[in-house]
C-alpha atoms as a PDB file:
ATOM      1  CA  MET A   1      -8.820  39.921   3.475  1.00  0.00           C
ATOM      2  CA  THR A   2      -8.350  37.938   6.128  1.00  0.00           C
ATOM      3  CA  PRO A   3      -7.993  33.912   5.845  1.00  0.00           C
ATOM      4  CA  ARG A   4     -10.652  31.841   7.687  1.00  0.00           C
ATOM      5  CA  VAL A   5      -9.569  29.189   9.634  1.00  0.00           C
ATOM      6  CA  GLU A   6     -11.791  25.980   9.742  1.00  0.00           C
ATOM      7  CA  ASN A   7     -11.241  22.695  11.392  1.00  0.00           C
ATOM      8  CA  LEU A   8     -11.432  19.411  10.237  1.00  0.00           C
ATOM      9  CA  PHE A   9     -12.741  17.929  13.100  1.00  0.00           C
ATOM     10  CA  ALA A  10     -15.499  20.253  13.660  1.00  0.00           C
ATOM     11  CA  GLY A  11     -19.232  18.772  12.983  1.00  0.00           C
ATOM     12  CA  PRO A  12     -20.869  15.525  13.370  1.00  0.00           C
ATOM     13  CA  LEU A  13     -20.100  12.996  11.020  1.00  0.00           C
ATOM     14  CA  ASP A  14     -23.023  10.956  11.852  1.00  0.00           C
ATOM     15  CA  SER A  15     -25.065  14.204  10.172  1.00  0.00           C
ATOM     16  CA  PHE A  16     -24.336  12.818   6.635  1.00  0.00           C
ATOM     17  CA  GLY A  17     -25.483   9.554   6.412  1.00  0.00           C
ATOM     18  CA  ARG A  18     -22.940   6.913   5.508  1.00  0.00           C
ATOM     19  CA  GLU A  19     -20.359   8.610   3.595  1.00  0.00           C
ATOM     20  CA  HIS A  20     -19.939  12.184   2.978  1.00  0.00           C
ATOM     21  CA  PHE A  21     -17.140  13.972   0.771  1.00  0.00           C
ATOM     22  CA  LEU A  22     -16.424  17.741   1.118  1.00  0.00           C
ATOM     23  CA  THR A  23     -13.613  19.186  -0.959  1.00  0.00           C
ATOM     24  CA  LEU A  24     -11.568  21.995   0.809  1.00  0.00           C
ATOM     25  CA  PHE A  25      -9.015  22.855  -1.687  1.00  0.00           C
ATOM     26  CA  GLU A  26      -8.990  22.452  -5.702  1.00  0.00           C
ATOM     27  CA  ASN A  27      -7.226  23.702  -8.359  1.00  0.00           C
ATOM     28  CA  GLU A  28      -6.297  22.354 -11.670  1.00  0.00           C
ATOM     29  CA  THR A  29      -3.633  20.090 -10.576  1.00  0.00           C
ATOM     30  CA  VAL A  30      -4.533  18.982  -6.869  1.00  0.00           C
ATOM     31  CA  ARG A  31      -8.301  18.110  -5.078  1.00  0.00           C
ATOM     32  CA  ILE A  32      -8.177  17.975  -1.372  1.00  0.00           C
ATOM     33  CA  GLU A  33     -11.142  16.468   0.037  1.00  0.00           C
ATOM     34  CA  ARG A  34     -12.370  15.848   3.579  1.00  0.00           C
ATOM     35  CA  ILE A  35     -14.141  12.075   3.862  1.00  0.00           C
ATOM     36  CA  ALA A  36     -16.366  11.035   6.489  1.00  0.00           C
ATOM     37  CA  SER A  37     -17.310   7.459   6.602  1.00  0.00           C
ATOM     38  CA  ARG A  38     -19.577   5.651   9.113  1.00  0.00           C
ATOM     39  CA  SER A  39     -19.133   1.795   8.682  1.00  0.00           C
ATOM     40  CA  TYR A  40     -19.086   2.630   4.862  1.00  0.00           C
ATOM     41  CA  GLY A  41     -18.009  -0.412   2.375  1.00  0.00           C
ATOM     42  CA  SER A  42     -18.135   0.439  -1.358  1.00  0.00           C
ATOM     43  CA  PRO A  43     -20.880  -1.653  -3.224  1.00  0.00           C
ATOM     44  CA  ALA A  44     -20.367  -5.127  -3.835  1.00  0.00           C
ATOM     45  CA  GLY A  45     -18.619  -5.299  -7.757  1.00  0.00           C
ATOM     46  CA  PHE A  46     -18.205  -1.269  -7.439  1.00  0.00           C
ATOM     47  CA  TRP A  47     -14.506  -0.620  -7.876  1.00  0.00           C
ATOM     48  CA  TYR A  48     -12.793   3.324  -8.128  1.00  0.00           C
ATOM     49  CA  ASP A  49     -10.745   3.321 -10.964  1.00  0.00           C
ATOM     50  CA  GLN A  50      -9.441   6.866 -11.123  1.00  0.00           C
ATOM     51  CA  PRO A  51      -7.971   8.906 -13.831  1.00  0.00           C
ATOM     52  CA  GLN A  52      -5.163  10.424 -10.950  1.00  0.00           C
ATOM     53  CA  SER A  53      -3.473   9.417  -8.473  1.00  0.00           C
ATOM     54  CA  GLU A  54      -4.673   9.641  -4.741  1.00  0.00           C
ATOM     55  CA  TRP A  55      -2.952  10.069  -1.755  1.00  0.00           C
ATOM     56  CA  VAL A  56      -5.246   9.031   1.259  1.00  0.00           C
ATOM     57  CA  ILE A  57      -4.618   9.288   5.033  1.00  0.00           C
ATOM     58  CA  VAL A  58      -6.971   7.916   8.197  1.00  0.00           C
ATOM     59  CA  LEU A  59      -6.994  10.696  10.459  1.00  0.00           C
ATOM     60  CA  ARG A  60     -10.011   9.149  12.991  1.00  0.00           C
ATOM     61  CA  GLY A  61     -10.714   5.498  12.939  1.00  0.00           C
ATOM     62  CA  HIS A  62     -10.288   2.423  10.650  1.00  0.00           C
ATOM     63  CA  ALA A  63     -10.470   1.550   7.009  1.00  0.00           C
ATOM     64  CA  VAL A  64      -9.648  -2.029   4.852  1.00  0.00           C
ATOM     65  CA  LEU A  65      -9.229  -0.794   1.742  1.00  0.00           C
ATOM     66  CA  GLU A  66      -9.315  -4.096  -1.393  1.00  0.00           C
ATOM     67  CA  PHE A  67      -7.310  -4.616  -4.572  1.00  0.00           C
ATOM     68  CA  GLU A  68      -8.597  -5.641  -7.858  1.00  0.00           C
ATOM     69  CA  ASP A  69      -6.076  -8.499  -6.725  1.00  0.00           C
ATOM     70  CA  GLY A  70      -7.882  -9.227  -3.621  1.00  0.00           C
ATOM     71  CA  GLU A  71      -4.979  -7.777  -1.260  1.00  0.00           C
ATOM     72  CA  LEU A  72      -6.497  -6.279   1.399  1.00  0.00           C
ATOM     73  CA  VAL A  73      -4.520  -2.948   3.043  1.00  0.00           C
ATOM     74  CA  PRO A  74      -5.785  -2.153   6.577  1.00  0.00           C
ATOM     75  CA  LEU A  75      -5.507   1.104   7.617  1.00  0.00           C
ATOM     76  CA  GLN A  76      -5.033   2.655  11.506  1.00  0.00           C
ATOM     77  CA  GLU A  77      -4.994   6.113  12.381  1.00  0.00           C
ATOM     78  CA  GLY A  78      -2.046   7.683  10.849  1.00  0.00           C
ATOM     79  CA  ASP A  79      -1.711   5.253   8.240  1.00  0.00           C
ATOM     80  CA  TYR A  80      -1.425   6.874   4.535  1.00  0.00           C
ATOM     81  CA  LEU A  81      -0.698   5.010   1.115  1.00  0.00           C
ATOM     82  CA  LEU A  82      -0.306   6.517  -2.390  1.00  0.00           C
ATOM     83  CA  ILE A  83      -3.124   4.681  -4.715  1.00  0.00           C
ATOM     84  CA  PRO A  84      -1.776   5.322  -8.267  1.00  0.00           C
ATOM     85  CA  SER A  85      -3.844   6.405 -10.990  1.00  0.00           C
ATOM     86  CA  HIS A  86      -6.045   3.863 -12.322  1.00  0.00           C
ATOM     87  CA  LEU A  87      -5.136   1.113  -9.663  1.00  0.00           C
ATOM     88  CA  LYS A  88      -8.639  -0.652  -8.908  1.00  0.00           C
ATOM     89  CA  HIS A  89      -9.491  -0.823  -5.366  1.00  0.00           C
ATOM     90  CA  ARG A  90     -12.582  -0.206  -3.342  1.00  0.00           C
ATOM     91  CA  VAL A  91     -13.504   0.687   0.270  1.00  0.00           C
ATOM     92  CA  GLN A  92     -14.114  -2.417   2.053  1.00  0.00           C
ATOM     93  CA  GLN A  93     -14.877  -1.354   5.495  1.00  0.00           C
ATOM     94  CA  THR A  94     -14.592   1.381   7.760  1.00  0.00           C
ATOM     95  CA  GLY A  95     -15.058   2.041  11.236  1.00  0.00           C
ATOM     96  CA  PRO A  96     -18.302   3.958  12.863  1.00  0.00           C
ATOM     97  CA  ASP A  97     -16.782   7.300  12.665  1.00  0.00           C
ATOM     98  CA  THR A  98     -13.663   7.093  10.077  1.00  0.00           C
ATOM     99  CA  LEU A  99     -12.143  10.439   9.173  1.00  0.00           C
ATOM    100  CA  TRP A 100     -10.347  10.816   5.892  1.00  0.00           C
ATOM    101  CA  LEU A 101      -7.905  13.224   3.901  1.00  0.00           C
ATOM    102  CA  ALA A 102      -7.541  12.657   0.601  1.00  0.00           C
ATOM    103  CA  VAL A 103      -5.498  14.167  -2.269  1.00  0.00           C
ATOM    104  CA  HIS A 104      -6.125  13.634  -6.130  1.00  0.00           C
ATOM    105  CA  ILE A 105      -2.805  14.560  -7.968  1.00  0.00           C
ATOM    106  CA  LYS A 106      -3.860  15.024 -11.902  1.00  0.00           C
ATOM    107  CA  GLU A 107      -1.572  13.711 -14.037  1.00  0.00           C
ATOM    108  CA  GLN A 108       0.746  16.566 -16.002  1.00  0.00           C
END
């Protein structure tokens, strides 16, 4: 069997609405997602509170993450960070064609 080559940048971002998640790989310890965001912001009062740590990188565009303590973290292309498990956060805003890669690391 020959491995299938795919491309993270292939496909229009605007065909998916304001935000689209695509799982690229998953096993019992890790999940890797491609996230396409179009001028997206989390709904008012919504916070991610995930049981796993999440490493994210902005591949294209820009975004601002907000943490429960009020800290705003701007991210440009190439910026990445690790969000520890249960650190409440939300997407304040993304650019019109932002592309992320997210790696969710399940705790052992």
